[in-house]
Amino acid sequence: MFEMLIPKLRVNTVFDINLEELYEQGYRGIITDLDNTLVGAKAPLATPELVVWFKRVKEIGFQLIIVSNNQLERVSKFATPLDIQYVHEARKPSNTPFRKAMNMMELTPEKTVVVGDQMLTDVYGGNRLGLYTVLVMPIAINDEGWFTRLVNRRVERIALTRLRKKGLWMEEEPKS
């Protein structure tokens, strides 16, 4: 079970993802989480650096969809000004929001990347469907909701302990 929490790639931030390499490998769509993946959980809008990153993603040829467990108001206020499609109240790691996003992009799992900051929601959900999973370091962990802090992050620590003992999680820094 814990092996399903291992991402294909670990990076510090979305800016460290080699988009050109992923495109060359045949990926055409990116499903990304919002809170603590793109901006801190309390940041209402994209940073200028992130706006440039979104532009680059699209210029390379990727489709992009935000899939968030957060509510409509939060996700809409962030995504709409950027002209980015989204799925809100996703209930990740359920398969449904990932499939919905792939349908919106008209892509298969083999052509889709998932980017997120949580092993239990983003990585596990993506791995279950055979998507290429990228784990980023959380941007503002202190801004997370109580459930994420008390449940998800605690389970992640337990999982990491077990994965390390099995030799499946190396201690090197995430790639940048």
N, C-alpha and C. Protein backbone atom coordinates (compact mmCIF):
# COMPACT_ATOMS: atom_id res chain seq x y z
N MET A 1 0.82 -1.20 0.00
CA MET A 1 0.00 0.00 0.00
C MET A 1 0.86 1.26 0.00
N PHE A 2 1.89 1.32 0.86
CA PHE A 2 2.70 2.52 0.95
C PHE A 2 3.46 2.81 -0.34
N GLU A 3 3.72 1.78 -1.14
CA GLU A 3 4.42 1.99 -2.41
C GLU A 3 3.61 2.88 -3.35
N MET A 4 2.29 2.88 -3.20
CA MET A 4 1.43 3.73 -4.05
C MET A 4 1.57 5.21 -3.70
N LEU A 5 2.28 5.51 -2.63
CA LEU A 5 2.49 6.89 -2.21
C LEU A 5 3.81 7.47 -2.76
N ILE A 6 4.54 6.65 -3.50
CA ILE A 6 5.84 7.10 -4.03
C ILE A 6 5.62 7.80 -5.37
N PRO A 7 6.02 9.07 -5.46
CA PRO A 7 5.88 9.79 -6.73
C PRO A 7 6.95 9.35 -7.72
N LYS A 8 6.69 9.59 -8.99
CA LYS A 8 7.70 9.31 -10.02
C LYS A 8 8.84 10.33 -9.94
N LEU A 9 8.51 11.54 -9.47
CA LEU A 9 9.49 12.61 -9.39
C LEU A 9 9.21 13.46 -8.16
N ARG A 10 10.29 13.90 -7.48
CA ARG A 10 10.18 14.83 -6.36
C ARG A 10 10.97 16.09 -6.71
N VAL A 11 10.34 17.24 -6.55
CA VAL A 11 11.00 18.52 -6.79
C VAL A 11 10.63 19.49 -5.66
N ASN A 12 11.38 20.58 -5.58
CA ASN A 12 11.08 21.57 -4.55
C ASN A 12 9.82 22.36 -4.90
N THR A 13 9.73 22.85 -6.13
CA THR A 13 8.59 23.67 -6.56
C THR A 13 8.21 23.29 -7.99
N VAL A 14 7.07 23.79 -8.43
CA VAL A 14 6.65 23.55 -9.81
C VAL A 14 7.66 24.12 -10.80
N PHE A 15 8.38 25.15 -10.38
CA PHE A 15 9.36 25.79 -11.26
C PHE A 15 10.55 24.87 -11.55
N ASP A 16 10.72 23.83 -10.75
CA ASP A 16 11.82 22.89 -10.93
C ASP A 16 11.47 21.71 -11.83
N ILE A 17 10.25 21.65 -12.32
CA ILE A 17 9.82 20.57 -13.21
C ILE A 17 10.37 20.86 -14.61
N ASN A 18 11.00 19.86 -15.20
CA ASN A 18 11.53 20.02 -16.56
C ASN A 18 10.38 19.76 -17.54
N LEU A 19 9.68 20.83 -17.86
CA LEU A 19 8.50 20.72 -18.72
C LEU A 19 8.85 20.23 -20.12
N GLU A 20 9.95 20.71 -20.66
CA GLU A 20 10.36 20.29 -22.01
C GLU A 20 10.60 18.78 -22.06
N GLU A 21 11.25 18.26 -21.04
CA GLU A 21 11.53 16.82 -20.99
C GLU A 21 10.24 16.01 -20.92
N LEU A 22 9.30 16.46 -20.09
CA LEU A 22 8.02 15.75 -20.00
C LEU A 22 7.29 15.78 -21.34
N TYR A 23 7.33 16.92 -22.02
CA TYR A 23 6.67 17.02 -23.32
C TYR A 23 7.33 16.08 -24.33
N GLU A 24 8.66 16.04 -24.32
CA GLU A 24 9.39 15.13 -25.22
C GLU A 24 9.04 13.67 -24.94
N GLN A 25 8.71 13.35 -23.70
CA GLN A 25 8.35 11.98 -23.32
C GLN A 25 6.90 11.64 -23.69
N GLY A 26 6.17 12.62 -24.22
CA GLY A 26 4.83 12.34 -24.71
C GLY A 26 3.70 12.82 -23.82
N TYR A 27 4.01 13.46 -22.73
CA TYR A 27 2.95 13.98 -21.86
C TYR A 27 2.37 15.25 -22.49
N ARG A 28 1.04 15.40 -22.37
CA ARG A 28 0.37 16.53 -23.01
C ARG A 28 -0.56 17.30 -22.08
N GLY A 29 -0.78 16.76 -20.88
CA GLY A 29 -1.67 17.43 -19.94
C GLY A 29 -1.11 17.41 -18.54
N ILE A 30 -1.36 18.50 -17.81
CA ILE A 30 -0.94 18.60 -16.42
C ILE A 30 -2.17 18.88 -15.56
N ILE A 31 -2.38 17.99 -14.60
CA ILE A 31 -3.38 18.20 -13.56
C ILE A 31 -2.59 18.67 -12.35
N THR A 32 -2.91 19.85 -11.85
CA THR A 32 -2.18 20.34 -10.70
C THR A 32 -3.11 20.68 -9.55
N ASP A 33 -2.63 20.42 -8.37
CA ASP A 33 -3.30 20.84 -7.15
C ASP A 33 -3.13 22.35 -7.04
N LEU A 34 -3.87 22.98 -6.16
CA LEU A 34 -3.77 24.43 -5.97
C LEU A 34 -3.03 24.78 -4.68
N ASP A 35 -3.66 24.54 -3.55
CA ASP A 35 -3.12 24.99 -2.27
C ASP A 35 -1.85 24.25 -1.87
N ASN A 36 -0.82 25.03 -1.59
CA ASN A 36 0.50 24.57 -1.19
C ASN A 36 1.27 23.86 -2.30
N THR A 37 0.70 23.85 -3.50
CA THR A 37 1.40 23.35 -4.68
C THR A 37 1.77 24.53 -5.57
N LEU A 38 0.77 25.35 -5.89
CA LEU A 38 0.98 26.52 -6.74
C LEU A 38 1.23 27.78 -5.92
N VAL A 39 0.46 27.95 -4.87
CA VAL A 39 0.60 29.07 -3.94
C VAL A 39 0.27 28.56 -2.53
N GLY A 40 0.59 29.36 -1.53
CA GLY A 40 0.22 29.01 -0.17
C GLY A 40 -1.29 28.88 -0.05
N ALA A 41 -1.73 28.12 0.92
CA ALA A 41 -3.17 27.84 1.07
C ALA A 41 -4.00 29.09 1.32
N LYS A 42 -3.38 30.16 1.77
CA LYS A 42 -4.13 31.39 2.04
C LYS A 42 -3.86 32.48 1.00
N ALA A 43 -3.03 32.20 0.01
CA ALA A 43 -2.75 33.18 -1.04
C ALA A 43 -3.89 33.19 -2.04
N PRO A 44 -4.56 34.32 -2.24
CA PRO A 44 -5.75 34.34 -3.10
C PRO A 44 -5.45 34.28 -4.59
N LEU A 45 -4.30 34.80 -5.01
CA LEU A 45 -4.00 34.90 -6.44
C LEU A 45 -2.62 34.36 -6.77
N ALA A 46 -2.40 34.14 -8.05
CA ALA A 46 -1.10 33.66 -8.52
C ALA A 46 -0.04 34.75 -8.38
N THR A 47 1.17 34.32 -8.09
CA THR A 47 2.29 35.25 -8.05
C THR A 47 2.69 35.58 -9.49
N PRO A 48 3.38 36.69 -9.71
CA PRO A 48 3.85 37.00 -11.08
C PRO A 48 4.71 35.87 -11.66
N GLU A 49 5.55 35.26 -10.82
CA GLU A 49 6.39 34.15 -11.27
C GLU A 49 5.53 32.97 -11.74
N LEU A 50 4.46 32.71 -11.03
CA LEU A 50 3.57 31.61 -11.39
C LEU A 50 2.82 31.91 -12.68
N VAL A 51 2.41 33.16 -12.88
CA VAL A 51 1.75 33.55 -14.13
C VAL A 51 2.67 33.27 -15.32
N VAL A 52 3.95 33.58 -15.17
CA VAL A 52 4.93 33.30 -16.22
C VAL A 52 5.05 31.79 -16.44
N TRP A 53 5.04 31.01 -15.34
CA TRP A 53 5.13 29.55 -15.46
C TRP A 53 3.93 28.99 -16.20
N PHE A 54 2.72 29.48 -15.88
CA PHE A 54 1.51 29.04 -16.59
C PHE A 54 1.64 29.33 -18.09
N LYS A 55 2.13 30.49 -18.42
CA LYS A 55 2.30 30.87 -19.83
C LYS A 55 3.27 29.92 -20.52
N ARG A 56 4.36 29.59 -19.84
CA ARG A 56 5.35 28.67 -20.40
C ARG A 56 4.77 27.28 -20.60
N VAL A 57 3.98 26.81 -19.63
CA VAL A 57 3.31 25.50 -19.73
C VAL A 57 2.49 25.44 -21.01
N LYS A 58 1.72 26.48 -21.24
CA LYS A 58 0.85 26.52 -22.42
C LYS A 58 1.65 26.68 -23.71
N GLU A 59 2.71 27.49 -23.68
CA GLU A 59 3.55 27.68 -24.88
C GLU A 59 4.21 26.38 -25.31
N ILE A 60 4.62 25.56 -24.34
CA ILE A 60 5.25 24.28 -24.66
C ILE A 60 4.24 23.35 -25.33
N GLY A 61 2.96 23.52 -25.00
CA GLY A 61 1.93 22.71 -25.64
C GLY A 61 1.08 21.90 -24.69
N PHE A 62 1.28 22.09 -23.40
CA PHE A 62 0.49 21.36 -22.41
C PHE A 62 -0.90 21.98 -22.24
N GLN A 63 -1.85 21.12 -21.93
CA GLN A 63 -3.12 21.56 -21.38
C GLN A 63 -2.94 21.53 -19.86
N LEU A 64 -3.69 22.38 -19.17
CA LEU A 64 -3.51 22.50 -17.73
C LEU A 64 -4.87 22.62 -17.05
N ILE A 65 -5.06 21.84 -15.99
CA ILE A 65 -6.30 21.90 -15.22
C ILE A 65 -5.94 21.83 -13.74
N ILE A 66 -6.56 22.69 -12.95
CA ILE A 66 -6.39 22.65 -11.51
C ILE A 66 -7.46 21.72 -10.94
N VAL A 67 -7.03 20.76 -10.14
CA VAL A 67 -7.95 19.87 -9.44
C VAL A 67 -7.69 20.05 -7.96
N SER A 68 -8.68 20.59 -7.26
CA SER A 68 -8.51 20.95 -5.86
C SER A 68 -9.65 20.40 -5.01
N ASN A 69 -9.31 20.01 -3.80
CA ASN A 69 -10.34 19.60 -2.85
C ASN A 69 -11.03 20.81 -2.23
N ASN A 70 -10.54 21.99 -2.52
CA ASN A 70 -11.11 23.20 -1.94
C ASN A 70 -12.44 23.55 -2.60
N GLN A 71 -13.11 24.54 -2.03
CA GLN A 71 -14.44 24.93 -2.47
C GLN A 71 -14.42 25.80 -3.73
N LEU A 72 -15.58 25.88 -4.37
CA LEU A 72 -15.74 26.61 -5.62
C LEU A 72 -15.22 28.04 -5.52
N GLU A 73 -15.59 28.76 -4.49
CA GLU A 73 -15.19 30.16 -4.38
C GLU A 73 -13.67 30.32 -4.41
N ARG A 74 -12.96 29.51 -3.64
CA ARG A 74 -11.50 29.59 -3.58
C ARG A 74 -10.88 29.28 -4.94
N VAL A 75 -11.27 28.16 -5.54
CA VAL A 75 -10.65 27.70 -6.77
C VAL A 75 -11.02 28.63 -7.93
N SER A 76 -12.26 29.03 -8.01
CA SER A 76 -12.72 29.91 -9.08
C SER A 76 -12.02 31.27 -9.05
N LYS A 77 -11.89 31.86 -7.87
CA LYS A 77 -11.22 33.17 -7.76
C LYS A 77 -9.77 33.10 -8.20
N PHE A 78 -9.14 31.96 -8.01
CA PHE A 78 -7.75 31.79 -8.42
C PHE A 78 -7.65 31.51 -9.92
N ALA A 79 -8.44 30.55 -10.41
CA ALA A 79 -8.28 30.03 -11.77
C ALA A 79 -8.91 30.88 -12.86
N THR A 80 -10.07 31.46 -12.60
CA THR A 80 -10.81 32.19 -13.63
C THR A 80 -10.03 33.35 -14.24
N PRO A 81 -9.38 34.22 -13.45
CA PRO A 81 -8.62 35.32 -14.06
C PRO A 81 -7.47 34.84 -14.94
N LEU A 82 -7.02 33.62 -14.71
CA LEU A 82 -5.90 33.05 -15.46
C LEU A 82 -6.37 32.23 -16.66
N ASP A 83 -7.69 32.12 -16.83
CA ASP A 83 -8.28 31.33 -17.90
C ASP A 83 -7.81 29.87 -17.82
N ILE A 84 -7.85 29.33 -16.60
CA ILE A 84 -7.47 27.94 -16.37
C ILE A 84 -8.71 27.17 -15.92
N GLN A 85 -8.96 26.03 -16.56
CA GLN A 85 -10.08 25.18 -16.16
C GLN A 85 -9.78 24.56 -14.81
N TYR A 86 -10.83 24.15 -14.11
CA TYR A 86 -10.62 23.57 -12.79
C TYR A 86 -11.73 22.60 -12.43
N VAL A 87 -11.41 21.76 -11.45
CA VAL A 87 -12.37 20.88 -10.80
C VAL A 87 -12.24 21.20 -9.31
N HIS A 88 -13.34 21.63 -8.69
CA HIS A 88 -13.32 21.98 -7.28
C HIS A 88 -14.01 20.88 -6.46
N GLU A 89 -13.83 20.95 -5.14
CA GLU A 89 -14.39 19.93 -4.23
C GLU A 89 -14.17 18.53 -4.80
N ALA A 90 -12.93 18.27 -5.17
CA ALA A 90 -12.59 17.07 -5.95
C ALA A 90 -12.66 15.77 -5.16
N ARG A 91 -12.46 15.83 -3.87
CA ARG A 91 -12.43 14.63 -3.04
C ARG A 91 -11.30 13.68 -3.44
N LYS A 92 -10.15 14.26 -3.77
CA LYS A 92 -8.97 13.43 -4.03
C LYS A 92 -8.64 12.66 -2.76
N PRO A 93 -8.27 11.42 -2.86
CA PRO A 93 -7.70 10.72 -4.00
C PRO A 93 -8.69 9.92 -4.84
N SER A 94 -9.96 10.21 -4.75
CA SER A 94 -10.95 9.54 -5.57
C SER A 94 -10.54 9.59 -7.05
N ASN A 95 -10.85 8.54 -7.79
CA ASN A 95 -10.54 8.51 -9.22
C ASN A 95 -11.34 9.54 -10.02
N THR A 96 -12.53 9.86 -9.56
CA THR A 96 -13.46 10.70 -10.32
C THR A 96 -12.88 12.04 -10.77
N PRO A 97 -12.26 12.84 -9.90
CA PRO A 97 -11.76 14.14 -10.37
C PRO A 97 -10.62 14.02 -11.37
N PHE A 98 -9.78 13.02 -11.21
CA PHE A 98 -8.69 12.82 -12.16
C PHE A 98 -9.24 12.42 -13.53
N ARG A 99 -10.22 11.51 -13.52
CA ARG A 99 -10.85 11.10 -14.79
C ARG A 99 -11.58 12.28 -15.44
N LYS A 100 -12.26 13.07 -14.62
CA LYS A 100 -12.97 14.24 -15.15
C LYS A 100 -11.98 15.20 -15.82
N ALA A 101 -10.86 15.46 -15.17
CA ALA A 101 -9.85 16.36 -15.74
C ALA A 101 -9.28 15.79 -17.04
N MET A 102 -9.00 14.49 -17.06
CA MET A 102 -8.49 13.88 -18.30
C MET A 102 -9.53 13.97 -19.41
N ASN A 103 -10.80 13.75 -19.07
CA ASN A 103 -11.86 13.89 -20.07
C ASN A 103 -11.95 15.31 -20.60
N MET A 104 -11.80 16.29 -19.71
CA MET A 104 -11.84 17.69 -20.13
C MET A 104 -10.70 18.00 -21.11
N MET A 105 -9.56 17.35 -20.90
CA MET A 105 -8.41 17.56 -21.79
C MET A 105 -8.40 16.59 -22.97
N GLU A 106 -9.30 15.59 -22.92
CA GLU A 106 -9.35 14.52 -23.92
C GLU A 106 -8.02 13.79 -24.00
N LEU A 107 -7.50 13.41 -22.81
CA LEU A 107 -6.22 12.71 -22.72
C LEU A 107 -6.36 11.41 -21.94
N THR A 108 -5.42 10.52 -22.16
CA THR A 108 -5.35 9.25 -21.45
C THR A 108 -4.35 9.39 -20.29
N PRO A 109 -4.37 8.44 -19.36
CA PRO A 109 -3.41 8.48 -18.25
C PRO A 109 -1.95 8.51 -18.72
N GLU A 110 -1.66 7.84 -19.81
CA GLU A 110 -0.28 7.78 -20.31
C GLU A 110 0.24 9.14 -20.78
N LYS A 111 -0.65 10.08 -20.99
CA LYS A 111 -0.26 11.41 -21.47
C LYS A 111 -0.47 12.50 -20.42
N THR A 112 -0.72 12.07 -19.17
CA THR A 112 -1.11 13.03 -18.13
C THR A 112 -0.17 12.99 -16.94
N VAL A 113 0.16 14.19 -16.46
CA VAL A 113 1.01 14.40 -15.29
C VAL A 113 0.14 14.96 -14.17
N VAL A 114 0.39 14.52 -12.94
CA VAL A 114 -0.27 15.09 -11.77
C VAL A 114 0.81 15.73 -10.91
N VAL A 115 0.57 16.97 -10.50
CA VAL A 115 1.50 17.70 -9.65
C VAL A 115 0.79 18.08 -8.36
N GLY A 116 1.38 17.76 -7.22
CA GLY A 116 0.77 18.12 -5.96
C GLY A 116 1.74 18.03 -4.80
N ASP A 117 1.29 18.52 -3.65
CA ASP A 117 2.15 18.55 -2.47
C ASP A 117 1.82 17.46 -1.46
N GLN A 118 0.79 16.65 -1.72
CA GLN A 118 0.41 15.62 -0.75
C GLN A 118 0.48 14.22 -1.34
N MET A 119 1.11 13.35 -0.58
CA MET A 119 1.22 11.95 -0.99
C MET A 119 -0.13 11.26 -0.96
N LEU A 120 -0.97 11.57 0.02
CA LEU A 120 -2.24 10.85 0.21
C LEU A 120 -3.31 11.24 -0.79
N THR A 121 -3.25 12.44 -1.31
CA THR A 121 -4.30 12.89 -2.22
C THR A 121 -3.80 12.91 -3.66
N ASP A 122 -2.75 13.68 -3.92
CA ASP A 122 -2.28 13.88 -5.29
C ASP A 122 -1.50 12.67 -5.82
N VAL A 123 -0.51 12.22 -5.08
CA VAL A 123 0.34 11.11 -5.55
C VAL A 123 -0.44 9.80 -5.57
N TYR A 124 -1.10 9.47 -4.48
CA TYR A 124 -1.86 8.23 -4.42
C TYR A 124 -2.95 8.21 -5.48
N GLY A 125 -3.69 9.31 -5.59
CA GLY A 125 -4.76 9.38 -6.59
C GLY A 125 -4.23 9.23 -8.00
N GLY A 126 -3.13 9.90 -8.32
CA GLY A 126 -2.54 9.79 -9.65
C GLY A 126 -1.96 8.43 -9.93
N ASN A 127 -1.25 7.86 -8.95
CA ASN A 127 -0.63 6.54 -9.14
C ASN A 127 -1.67 5.46 -9.37
N ARG A 128 -2.81 5.56 -8.70
CA ARG A 128 -3.86 4.54 -8.86
C ARG A 128 -4.34 4.46 -10.30
N LEU A 129 -4.28 5.58 -11.02
CA LEU A 129 -4.75 5.61 -12.41
C LEU A 129 -3.61 5.52 -13.43
N GLY A 130 -2.39 5.38 -12.95
CA GLY A 130 -1.26 5.25 -13.87
C GLY A 130 -0.76 6.57 -14.44
N LEU A 131 -1.02 7.67 -13.77
CA LEU A 131 -0.53 8.97 -14.21
C LEU A 131 0.90 9.17 -13.72
N TYR A 132 1.62 10.08 -14.38
CA TYR A 132 2.98 10.42 -13.96
C TYR A 132 2.85 11.41 -12.80
N THR A 133 3.31 11.03 -11.61
CA THR A 133 3.10 11.83 -10.42
C THR A 133 4.34 12.61 -10.03
N VAL A 134 4.14 13.89 -9.71
CA VAL A 134 5.22 14.77 -9.27
C VAL A 134 4.82 15.33 -7.91
N LEU A 135 5.69 15.13 -6.92
CA LEU A 135 5.47 15.66 -5.58
C LEU A 135 6.33 16.89 -5.38
N VAL A 136 5.69 18.00 -5.01
CA VAL A 136 6.43 19.22 -4.69
C VAL A 136 6.40 19.42 -3.18
N MET A 137 7.37 20.17 -2.68
CA MET A 137 7.38 20.51 -1.27
C MET A 137 6.24 21.50 -1.00
N PRO A 138 5.53 21.34 0.11
CA PRO A 138 4.45 22.28 0.42
C PRO A 138 4.99 23.70 0.60
N ILE A 139 4.27 24.68 0.07
CA ILE A 139 4.72 26.07 0.11
C ILE A 139 4.56 26.68 1.49
N ALA A 140 3.41 26.53 2.12
CA ALA A 140 3.14 27.15 3.42
C ALA A 140 2.40 26.16 4.30
N ILE A 141 3.13 25.24 4.85
CA ILE A 141 2.53 24.14 5.61
C ILE A 141 1.72 24.63 6.81
N ASN A 142 2.10 25.76 7.38
CA ASN A 142 1.38 26.30 8.55
C ASN A 142 0.01 26.86 8.18
N ASP A 143 -0.24 27.08 6.89
CA ASP A 143 -1.53 27.61 6.44
C ASP A 143 -2.52 26.50 6.09
N GLU A 144 -2.12 25.25 6.22
CA GLU A 144 -3.00 24.15 5.85
C GLU A 144 -4.16 24.01 6.83
N GLY A 145 -5.23 23.43 6.34
CA GLY A 145 -6.38 23.17 7.18
C GLY A 145 -6.07 22.11 8.23
N TRP A 146 -6.91 22.03 9.23
CA TRP A 146 -6.66 21.13 10.35
C TRP A 146 -6.62 19.67 9.92
N PHE A 147 -7.50 19.27 9.00
CA PHE A 147 -7.53 17.86 8.58
C PHE A 147 -6.22 17.48 7.89
N THR A 148 -5.75 18.34 7.02
CA THR A 148 -4.49 18.07 6.32
C THR A 148 -3.35 17.96 7.32
N ARG A 149 -3.28 18.91 8.25
CA ARG A 149 -2.19 18.91 9.23
C ARG A 149 -2.25 17.72 10.17
N LEU A 150 -3.44 17.45 10.70
CA LEU A 150 -3.54 16.43 11.73
C LEU A 150 -3.66 15.01 11.20
N VAL A 151 -4.24 14.85 10.03
CA VAL A 151 -4.44 13.50 9.50
C VAL A 151 -3.48 13.19 8.35
N ASN A 152 -3.61 13.92 7.25
CA ASN A 152 -2.82 13.60 6.07
C ASN A 152 -1.31 13.64 6.32
N ARG A 153 -0.84 14.73 6.94
CA ARG A 153 0.61 14.85 7.17
C ARG A 153 1.11 13.81 8.16
N ARG A 154 0.28 13.45 9.14
CA ARG A 154 0.68 12.40 10.10
C ARG A 154 0.81 11.05 9.39
N VAL A 155 -0.17 10.73 8.56
CA VAL A 155 -0.10 9.47 7.81
C VAL A 155 1.11 9.49 6.86
N GLU A 156 1.39 10.64 6.25
CA GLU A 156 2.58 10.76 5.39
C GLU A 156 3.85 10.44 6.18
N ARG A 157 3.97 10.96 7.41
CA ARG A 157 5.17 10.69 8.21
C ARG A 157 5.30 9.19 8.50
N ILE A 158 4.19 8.54 8.82
CA ILE A 158 4.21 7.09 9.06
C ILE A 158 4.63 6.36 7.79
N ALA A 159 4.04 6.76 6.67
CA ALA A 159 4.37 6.11 5.39
C ALA A 159 5.85 6.30 5.06
N LEU A 160 6.36 7.50 5.25
CA LEU A 160 7.77 7.76 4.95
C LEU A 160 8.69 6.91 5.82
N THR A 161 8.33 6.73 7.08
CA THR A 161 9.13 5.89 7.98
C THR A 161 9.18 4.46 7.43
N ARG A 162 8.03 3.94 7.03
CA ARG A 162 7.98 2.57 6.51
C ARG A 162 8.73 2.45 5.18
N LEU A 163 8.55 3.43 4.30
CA LEU A 163 9.23 3.40 3.00
C LEU A 163 10.75 3.48 3.17
N ARG A 164 11.20 4.30 4.11
CA ARG A 164 12.64 4.39 4.38
C ARG A 164 13.18 3.06 4.87
N LYS A 165 12.45 2.41 5.79
CA LYS A 165 12.88 1.12 6.33
C LYS A 165 12.99 0.06 5.24
N LYS A 166 12.10 0.15 4.25
CA LYS A 166 12.13 -0.80 3.13
C LYS A 166 13.15 -0.40 2.06
N GLY A 167 13.77 0.76 2.23
CA GLY A 167 14.73 1.25 1.24
C GLY A 167 14.07 1.81 -0.01
N LEU A 168 12.80 2.18 0.10
CA LEU A 168 12.07 2.67 -1.07
C LEU A 168 12.01 4.20 -1.14
N TRP A 169 12.48 4.87 -0.09
CA TRP A 169 12.48 6.34 -0.07
C TRP A 169 13.86 6.79 0.31
N MET A 170 14.55 7.38 -0.62
CA MET A 170 15.90 7.86 -0.38
C MET A 170 15.85 9.24 0.28
N GLU A 171 16.86 9.54 1.04
CA GLU A 171 16.90 10.77 1.81
C GLU A 171 17.43 11.96 1.04
N GLU A 172 17.79 11.77 -0.23
CA GLU A 172 18.32 12.89 -0.99
C GLU A 172 17.29 14.00 -1.10
N GLU A 173 17.78 15.20 -1.32
CA GLU A 173 16.89 16.34 -1.49
C GLU A 173 16.09 16.17 -2.77
N PRO A 174 14.89 16.71 -2.80
CA PRO A 174 14.13 16.66 -4.05
C PRO A 174 14.91 17.33 -5.17
N LYS A 175 14.73 16.86 -6.40
CA LYS A 175 15.44 17.42 -7.55
C LYS A 175 14.96 18.83 -7.83
N SER A 176 15.90 19.64 -8.23
CA SER A 176 15.54 21.01 -8.60
C SER A 176 16.20 21.40 -9.90
